[in-house]
Amino acid sequence: MKTALVTDGNNRLSVWQNLRLMPLFSFIFGGILLLFALCIGLASWFLAQSNQSLNDATEEIQTRMGISNSSNHLRTARLYVIQAGAAARIGEMDLFRDNIARTEKRIQQARDGSASI
């Protein structure tokens, strides 16, 4: 009976039994590394996509800000023209010229802002 030999305290694993477990450990470790590499690749792809979306959003915001700034400059120029007309009506020619100069400056700023769009 071979079972009596196992109970005598001499149940050490041989080198051959350890070597048979190596393919299993290699397969598990390789699977973990493969999953890790796939996760890194997927995260990198998502990072590149988010960077492109962020660049698109930044470009859109800059375009909207350029239009808004141009509109604000034209609105201010219109107010200066109204003030210049009021100054011309009461005979204040220095204030009239000053407001016309401010108007021209604002119109030029609006042109420069809309040219960068």
C-alpha atoms as a PDB file:
ATOM      1  CA  MET A   1       0.000   0.000   0.000  1.00  0.00           C
ATOM      2  CA  LYS A   2       1.445   3.234  -1.152  1.00  0.00           C
ATOM      3  CA  THR A   3      -0.863   5.348   1.024  1.00  0.00           C
ATOM      4  CA  ALA A   4       1.014   4.365   4.139  1.00  0.00           C
ATOM      5  CA  LEU A   5       4.155   6.043   2.780  1.00  0.00           C
ATOM      6  CA  VAL A   6       2.413   9.415   2.451  1.00  0.00           C
ATOM      7  CA  THR A   7       1.374   9.484   6.075  1.00  0.00           C
ATOM      8  CA  ASP A   8       4.893   9.061   7.408  1.00  0.00           C
ATOM      9  CA  GLY A   9       5.659  12.830   6.970  1.00  0.00           C
ATOM     10  CA  ASN A  10       7.684  12.655   3.755  1.00  0.00           C
ATOM     11  CA  ASN A  11       5.312  14.501   1.387  1.00  0.00           C
ATOM     12  CA  ARG A  12       7.686  17.037  -0.309  1.00  0.00           C
ATOM     13  CA  LEU A  13       6.982  18.260  -3.825  1.00  0.00           C
ATOM     14  CA  SER A  14       9.477  17.244  -6.406  1.00  0.00           C
ATOM     15  CA  VAL A  15      11.087  19.591  -8.936  1.00  0.00           C
ATOM     16  CA  TRP A  16       9.041  18.033 -11.724  1.00  0.00           C
ATOM     17  CA  GLN A  17       5.777  18.926 -10.036  1.00  0.00           C
ATOM     18  CA  ASN A  18       6.908  22.570  -9.695  1.00  0.00           C
ATOM     19  CA  LEU A  19       7.911  22.675 -13.360  1.00  0.00           C
ATOM     20  CA  ARG A  20       4.468  21.491 -14.398  1.00  0.00           C
ATOM     21  CA  LEU A  21       2.941  24.584 -12.741  1.00  0.00           C
ATOM     22  CA  MET A  22       5.169  27.029 -14.673  1.00  0.00           C
ATOM     23  CA  PRO A  23       3.022  27.120 -17.845  1.00  0.00           C
ATOM     24  CA  LEU A  24      -0.047  27.926 -15.737  1.00  0.00           C
ATOM     25  CA  PHE A  25       1.700  30.788 -13.937  1.00  0.00           C
ATOM     26  CA  SER A  26       3.162  32.054 -17.218  1.00  0.00           C
ATOM     27  CA  PHE A  27      -0.269  32.001 -18.845  1.00  0.00           C
ATOM     28  CA  ILE A  28      -1.875  33.901 -15.956  1.00  0.00           C
ATOM     29  CA  PHE A  29       0.951  36.447 -15.800  1.00  0.00           C
ATOM     30  CA  GLY A  30       0.905  36.881 -19.594  1.00  0.00           C
ATOM     31  CA  GLY A  31      -2.869  37.425 -19.522  1.00  0.00           C
ATOM     32  CA  ILE A  32      -2.522  40.099 -16.867  1.00  0.00           C
ATOM     33  CA  LEU A  33       0.201  41.845 -18.882  1.00  0.00           C
ATOM     34  CA  LEU A  34      -1.931  41.674 -22.022  1.00  0.00           C
ATOM     35  CA  LEU A  35      -4.904  43.225 -20.230  1.00  0.00           C
ATOM     36  CA  PHE A  36      -2.632  45.918 -18.813  1.00  0.00           C
ATOM     37  CA  ALA A  37      -1.288  46.739 -22.286  1.00  0.00           C
ATOM     38  CA  LEU A  38      -4.832  46.880 -23.701  1.00  0.00           C
ATOM     39  CA  CYS A  39      -5.910  49.255 -20.928  1.00  0.00           C
ATOM     40  CA  ILE A  40      -2.944  51.536 -21.602  1.00  0.00           C
ATOM     41  CA  GLY A  41      -3.686  51.559 -25.326  1.00  0.00           C
ATOM     42  CA  LEU A  42      -7.368  52.312 -24.776  1.00  0.00           C
ATOM     43  CA  ALA A  43      -6.583  55.078 -22.284  1.00  0.00           C
ATOM     44  CA  SER A  44      -4.119  56.617 -24.734  1.00  0.00           C
ATOM     45  CA  TRP A  45      -6.724  56.567 -27.503  1.00  0.00           C
ATOM     46  CA  PHE A  46      -9.312  58.235 -25.263  1.00  0.00           C
ATOM     47  CA  LEU A  47      -6.724  60.829 -24.216  1.00  0.00           C
ATOM     48  CA  ALA A  48      -5.965  61.668 -27.846  1.00  0.00           C
ATOM     49  CA  GLN A  49      -9.688  61.956 -28.617  1.00  0.00           C
ATOM     50  CA  SER A  50     -10.287  64.248 -25.645  1.00  0.00           C
ATOM     51  CA  ASN A  51      -7.324  66.406 -26.637  1.00  0.00           C
ATOM     52  CA  GLN A  52      -8.776  66.828 -30.144  1.00  0.00           C
ATOM     53  CA  SER A  53     -12.196  67.692 -28.701  1.00  0.00           C
ATOM     54  CA  LEU A  54     -10.595  70.216 -26.363  1.00  0.00           C
ATOM     55  CA  ASN A  55      -8.757  71.852 -29.275  1.00  0.00           C
ATOM     56  CA  ASP A  56     -12.013  72.065 -31.242  1.00  0.00           C
ATOM     57  CA  ALA A  57     -13.832  73.624 -28.283  1.00  0.00           C
ATOM     58  CA  THR A  58     -11.010  76.120 -27.738  1.00  0.00           C
ATOM     59  CA  GLU A  59     -11.111  77.143 -31.394  1.00  0.00           C
ATOM     60  CA  GLU A  60     -14.881  77.602 -31.235  1.00  0.00           C
ATOM     61  CA  ILE A  61     -14.607  79.716 -28.087  1.00  0.00           C
ATOM     62  CA  GLN A  62     -11.954  81.905 -29.695  1.00  0.00           C
ATOM     63  CA  THR A  63     -14.191  82.419 -32.731  1.00  0.00           C
ATOM     64  CA  ARG A  64     -17.149  83.345 -30.556  1.00  0.00           C
ATOM     65  CA  MET A  65     -15.022  85.720 -28.492  1.00  0.00           C
ATOM     66  CA  GLY A  66     -13.740  87.395 -31.658  1.00  0.00           C
ATOM     67  CA  ILE A  67     -17.289  87.934 -32.891  1.00  0.00           C
ATOM     68  CA  SER A  68     -18.400  89.178 -29.491  1.00  0.00           C
ATOM     69  CA  ASN A  69     -15.481  91.591 -29.159  1.00  0.00           C
ATOM     70  CA  SER A  70     -16.077  92.889 -32.684  1.00  0.00           C
ATOM     71  CA  SER A  71     -19.743  93.419 -31.884  1.00  0.00           C
ATOM     72  CA  ASN A  72     -18.855  95.240 -28.660  1.00  0.00           C
ATOM     73  CA  HIS A  73     -16.457  97.538 -30.506  1.00  0.00           C
ATOM     74  CA  LEU A  74     -19.130  98.374 -33.090  1.00  0.00           C
ATOM     75  CA  ARG A  75     -21.689  99.013 -30.347  1.00  0.00           C
ATOM     76  CA  THR A  76     -19.287 101.384 -28.604  1.00  0.00           C
ATOM     77  CA  ALA A  77     -18.522 103.113 -31.929  1.00  0.00           C
ATOM     78  CA  ARG A  78     -22.248 103.644 -32.463  1.00  0.00           C
ATOM     79  CA  LEU A  79     -22.509 105.320 -29.050  1.00  0.00           C
ATOM     80  CA  TYR A  80     -19.565 107.557 -29.905  1.00  0.00           C
ATOM     81  CA  VAL A  81     -21.276 108.575 -33.160  1.00  0.00           C
ATOM     82  CA  ILE A  82     -24.433 109.445 -31.197  1.00  0.00           C
ATOM     83  CA  GLN A  83     -22.352 111.496 -28.746  1.00  0.00           C
ATOM     84  CA  ALA A  84     -20.553 113.183 -31.654  1.00  0.00           C
ATOM     85  CA  GLY A  85     -23.903 114.111 -33.203  1.00  0.00           C
ATOM     86  CA  ALA A  86     -25.097 115.547 -29.901  1.00  0.00           C
ATOM     87  CA  ALA A  87     -21.853 117.513 -29.550  1.00  0.00           C
ATOM     88  CA  ALA A  88     -22.178 118.856 -33.114  1.00  0.00           C
ATOM     89  CA  ARG A  89     -25.753 119.958 -32.416  1.00  0.00           C
ATOM     90  CA  ILE A  90     -24.711 122.097 -29.459  1.00  0.00           C
ATOM     91  CA  GLY A  91     -21.599 123.407 -31.234  1.00  0.00           C
ATOM     92  CA  GLU A  92     -18.851 121.549 -29.304  1.00  0.00           C
ATOM     93  CA  MET A  93     -16.500 120.899 -32.215  1.00  0.00           C
ATOM     94  CA  ASP A  94     -13.586 119.660 -30.067  1.00  0.00           C
ATOM     95  CA  LEU A  95     -15.808 117.033 -28.419  1.00  0.00           C
ATOM     96  CA  PHE A  96     -17.218 116.177 -31.864  1.00  0.00           C
ATOM     97  CA  ARG A  97     -13.719 115.525 -33.307  1.00  0.00           C
ATOM     98  CA  ASP A  98     -12.709 113.550 -30.223  1.00  0.00           C
ATOM     99  CA  ASN A  99     -15.774 111.296 -30.505  1.00  0.00           C
ATOM    100  CA  ILE A 100     -15.235 110.820 -34.253  1.00  0.00           C
ATOM    101  CA  ALA A 101     -11.596 109.820 -33.581  1.00  0.00           C
ATOM    102  CA  ARG A 102     -12.748 107.349 -30.927  1.00  0.00           C
ATOM    103  CA  THR A 103     -15.331 105.980 -33.363  1.00  0.00           C
ATOM    104  CA  GLU A 104     -12.708 105.403 -36.054  1.00  0.00           C
ATOM    105  CA  LYS A 105     -10.450 103.694 -33.520  1.00  0.00           C
ATOM    106  CA  ARG A 106     -13.259 101.355 -32.398  1.00  0.00           C
ATOM    107  CA  ILE A 107     -14.208 100.534 -35.990  1.00  0.00           C
ATOM    108  CA  GLN A 108     -10.584  99.658 -36.723  1.00  0.00           C
ATOM    109  CA  GLN A 109     -10.465  97.430 -33.617  1.00  0.00           C
ATOM    110  CA  ALA A 110     -13.657  95.697 -34.807  1.00  0.00           C
ATOM    111  CA  ARG A 111     -12.067  95.110 -38.227  1.00  0.00           C
ATOM    112  CA  ASP A 112      -8.889  93.731 -36.645  1.00  0.00           C
ATOM    113  CA  GLY A 113     -10.921  91.442 -34.405  1.00  0.00           C
ATOM    114  CA  SER A 114     -13.065  90.111 -37.196  1.00  0.00           C
ATOM    115  CA  ALA A 115     -10.040  89.598 -39.460  1.00  0.00           C
ATOM    116  CA  SER A 116      -8.530  87.158 -36.948  1.00  0.00           C
ATOM    117  CA  ILE A 117     -11.659  84.954 -37.012  1.00  0.00           C
END
